[in-house]
Amino acid sequence: MSRDDVRALLGPPRSIEYGTVELWLYAPDAMDRETLPIGFVDGRIVGWGKDYYDRAHGGRVLPDGSVPRDR
């Protein structure tokens, strides 16, 4: 999916973080403290979820958005 597809489906993100990947953060419910992060590279989704977010912030996501296998 593209950024435009995600925005059309979920609306604008609560916030956007930039790094190796562009992370859009959504709050599924205004009362829910958990967020749904969605990662983009070149305008396309490359990953999502808390684990992906943690890996992106830990520098464990490659420039193409992929995650190397753990050994």
N, C-alpha and C. Protein backbone atom coordinates (compact mmCIF):
# COMPACT_ATOMS: atom_id res chain seq x y z
N MET A 1 0.84 -1.18 0.00
CA MET A 1 0.00 0.00 0.00
C MET A 1 0.88 1.24 0.00
N SER A 2 0.36 2.28 -0.55
CA SER A 2 1.07 3.55 -0.59
C SER A 2 0.65 4.43 0.60
N ARG A 3 1.37 5.53 0.79
CA ARG A 3 0.98 6.50 1.82
C ARG A 3 -0.45 6.97 1.59
N ASP A 4 -0.77 7.27 0.33
CA ASP A 4 -2.12 7.76 0.00
C ASP A 4 -3.18 6.72 0.35
N ASP A 5 -2.90 5.44 0.09
CA ASP A 5 -3.85 4.37 0.42
C ASP A 5 -4.08 4.32 1.94
N VAL A 6 -3.00 4.40 2.70
CA VAL A 6 -3.10 4.34 4.16
C VAL A 6 -3.87 5.55 4.68
N ARG A 7 -3.53 6.73 4.17
CA ARG A 7 -4.23 7.94 4.62
C ARG A 7 -5.72 7.87 4.29
N ALA A 8 -6.07 7.33 3.12
CA ALA A 8 -7.49 7.20 2.74
C ALA A 8 -8.21 6.22 3.66
N LEU A 9 -7.52 5.17 4.09
CA LEU A 9 -8.12 4.14 4.94
C LEU A 9 -8.18 4.55 6.41
N LEU A 10 -7.08 5.10 6.93
CA LEU A 10 -6.98 5.38 8.37
C LEU A 10 -7.02 6.86 8.74
N GLY A 11 -6.96 7.73 7.74
CA GLY A 11 -6.91 9.16 8.01
C GLY A 11 -5.48 9.59 8.28
N PRO A 12 -5.30 10.83 8.69
CA PRO A 12 -3.94 11.31 8.95
C PRO A 12 -3.36 10.66 10.20
N PRO A 13 -2.05 10.43 10.22
CA PRO A 13 -1.44 9.83 11.42
C PRO A 13 -1.41 10.83 12.57
N ARG A 14 -1.31 10.31 13.78
CA ARG A 14 -1.18 11.16 14.96
C ARG A 14 0.14 11.91 14.93
N SER A 15 1.19 11.21 14.48
CA SER A 15 2.50 11.84 14.32
C SER A 15 3.31 11.04 13.30
N ILE A 16 4.40 11.66 12.84
CA ILE A 16 5.29 11.02 11.87
C ILE A 16 6.71 11.17 12.40
N GLU A 17 7.47 10.07 12.36
CA GLU A 17 8.88 10.09 12.75
C GLU A 17 9.71 9.73 11.54
N TYR A 18 10.85 10.41 11.42
CA TYR A 18 11.72 10.17 10.27
C TYR A 18 13.04 9.57 10.72
N GLY A 19 13.55 8.63 9.97
CA GLY A 19 14.81 7.96 10.24
C GLY A 19 15.12 7.11 9.02
N THR A 20 15.63 5.90 9.26
CA THR A 20 15.87 4.97 8.15
C THR A 20 14.56 4.72 7.40
N VAL A 21 13.49 4.62 8.16
CA VAL A 21 12.15 4.50 7.58
C VAL A 21 11.31 5.66 8.10
N GLU A 22 10.29 6.02 7.34
CA GLU A 22 9.32 7.02 7.77
C GLU A 22 8.24 6.27 8.53
N LEU A 23 8.06 6.59 9.79
CA LEU A 23 7.09 5.89 10.64
C LEU A 23 5.88 6.79 10.89
N TRP A 24 4.71 6.29 10.48
CA TRP A 24 3.47 6.98 10.79
C TRP A 24 2.88 6.29 12.01
N LEU A 25 2.49 7.08 13.00
CA LEU A 25 1.95 6.53 14.24
C LEU A 25 0.47 6.85 14.35
N TYR A 26 -0.30 5.79 14.51
CA TYR A 26 -1.75 5.90 14.67
C TYR A 26 -2.15 5.44 16.05
N ALA A 27 -3.14 6.09 16.63
CA ALA A 27 -3.74 5.65 17.88
C ALA A 27 -5.04 4.97 17.51
N PRO A 28 -5.12 3.62 17.64
CA PRO A 28 -6.34 2.91 17.26
C PRO A 28 -7.58 3.40 17.99
N ASP A 29 -7.41 3.87 19.21
CA ASP A 29 -8.52 4.36 20.02
C ASP A 29 -7.98 5.52 20.84
N ALA A 30 -8.71 6.58 20.93
CA ALA A 30 -8.23 7.75 21.66
C ALA A 30 -7.88 7.42 23.11
N MET A 31 -8.53 6.43 23.70
CA MET A 31 -8.25 6.06 25.10
C MET A 31 -7.16 5.00 25.21
N ASP A 32 -6.74 4.45 24.08
CA ASP A 32 -5.75 3.38 24.06
C ASP A 32 -4.36 4.00 24.02
N ARG A 33 -3.48 3.54 24.89
CA ARG A 33 -2.13 4.08 24.91
C ARG A 33 -1.23 3.43 23.88
N GLU A 34 -1.62 2.28 23.36
CA GLU A 34 -0.85 1.61 22.32
C GLU A 34 -1.02 2.36 21.01
N THR A 35 0.03 2.39 20.22
CA THR A 35 -0.06 3.00 18.90
C THR A 35 0.18 1.94 17.85
N LEU A 36 -0.28 2.23 16.66
CA LEU A 36 -0.03 1.37 15.51
C LEU A 36 0.97 2.10 14.63
N PRO A 37 2.26 1.69 14.66
CA PRO A 37 3.23 2.30 13.77
C PRO A 37 3.22 1.59 12.41
N ILE A 38 3.33 2.38 11.36
CA ILE A 38 3.42 1.85 10.00
C ILE A 38 4.65 2.47 9.36
N GLY A 39 5.56 1.62 8.86
CA GLY A 39 6.80 2.10 8.28
C GLY A 39 6.74 2.16 6.76
N PHE A 40 7.28 3.25 6.20
CA PHE A 40 7.31 3.45 4.76
C PHE A 40 8.74 3.69 4.27
N VAL A 41 9.05 3.18 3.10
CA VAL A 41 10.26 3.51 2.35
C VAL A 41 9.80 3.76 0.92
N ASP A 42 10.24 4.87 0.37
CA ASP A 42 9.85 5.25 -1.00
C ASP A 42 8.34 5.25 -1.18
N GLY A 43 7.61 5.66 -0.13
CA GLY A 43 6.16 5.79 -0.23
C GLY A 43 5.36 4.52 -0.14
N ARG A 44 6.01 3.39 0.17
CA ARG A 44 5.32 2.10 0.27
C ARG A 44 5.53 1.49 1.65
N ILE A 45 4.52 0.77 2.14
CA ILE A 45 4.64 0.11 3.44
C ILE A 45 5.71 -0.96 3.38
N VAL A 46 6.60 -0.94 4.39
CA VAL A 46 7.64 -1.97 4.49
C VAL A 46 7.54 -2.74 5.80
N GLY A 47 6.75 -2.24 6.76
CA GLY A 47 6.59 -2.94 8.03
C GLY A 47 5.60 -2.20 8.91
N TRP A 48 5.14 -2.89 9.96
CA TRP A 48 4.19 -2.29 10.89
C TRP A 48 4.26 -3.02 12.22
N GLY A 49 3.67 -2.40 13.21
CA GLY A 49 3.57 -3.01 14.53
C GLY A 49 4.68 -2.58 15.48
N LYS A 50 4.48 -2.91 16.75
CA LYS A 50 5.40 -2.52 17.80
C LYS A 50 6.79 -3.11 17.60
N ASP A 51 6.88 -4.38 17.21
CA ASP A 51 8.18 -5.01 17.01
C ASP A 51 8.96 -4.30 15.90
N TYR A 52 8.28 -4.00 14.81
CA TYR A 52 8.95 -3.29 13.72
C TYR A 52 9.42 -1.91 14.19
N TYR A 53 8.57 -1.21 14.91
CA TYR A 53 8.92 0.11 15.46
C TYR A 53 10.16 0.01 16.35
N ASP A 54 10.17 -0.96 17.26
CA ASP A 54 11.32 -1.13 18.15
C ASP A 54 12.60 -1.42 17.37
N ARG A 55 12.50 -2.24 16.34
CA ARG A 55 13.67 -2.55 15.52
C ARG A 55 14.15 -1.31 14.76
N ALA A 56 13.22 -0.52 14.25
CA ALA A 56 13.59 0.69 13.53
C ALA A 56 14.33 1.66 14.45
N HIS A 57 13.84 1.81 15.68
CA HIS A 57 14.49 2.70 16.64
C HIS A 57 15.79 2.12 17.18
N GLY A 58 15.94 0.84 17.11
CA GLY A 58 17.17 0.20 17.57
C GLY A 58 18.22 0.08 16.47
N GLY A 59 17.94 0.66 15.30
CA GLY A 59 18.88 0.62 14.19
C GLY A 59 18.98 -0.74 13.53
N ARG A 60 17.95 -1.57 13.71
CA ARG A 60 18.00 -2.92 13.16
C ARG A 60 17.09 -3.08 11.94
N VAL A 61 16.90 -1.98 11.20
CA VAL A 61 16.14 -2.01 9.96
C VAL A 61 17.06 -1.51 8.86
N LEU A 62 17.13 -2.24 7.76
CA LEU A 62 17.99 -1.87 6.65
C LEU A 62 17.38 -0.70 5.86
N PRO A 63 18.19 0.00 5.07
CA PRO A 63 17.68 1.16 4.32
C PRO A 63 16.49 0.85 3.42
N ASP A 64 16.34 -0.40 2.99
CA ASP A 64 15.17 -0.75 2.16
C ASP A 64 13.95 -1.07 3.02
N GLY A 65 14.08 -0.96 4.35
CA GLY A 65 12.97 -1.21 5.26
C GLY A 65 12.88 -2.63 5.75
N SER A 66 13.70 -3.53 5.21
CA SER A 66 13.65 -4.92 5.64
C SER A 66 14.37 -5.10 6.97
N VAL A 67 14.04 -6.18 7.63
CA VAL A 67 14.63 -6.50 8.93
C VAL A 67 15.51 -7.74 8.77
N PRO A 68 16.81 -7.62 9.11
CA PRO A 68 17.66 -8.79 9.00
C PRO A 68 17.18 -9.90 9.94
N ARG A 69 17.40 -11.13 9.55
CA ARG A 69 17.02 -12.27 10.41
C ARG A 69 17.88 -12.30 11.64
N ASP A 70 17.25 -12.59 12.78
CA ASP A 70 18.02 -12.79 14.02
C ASP A 70 18.73 -14.12 13.94
N ARG A 71 19.90 -14.17 14.51
CA ARG A 71 20.65 -15.44 14.50
C ARG A 71 20.63 -16.07 15.84
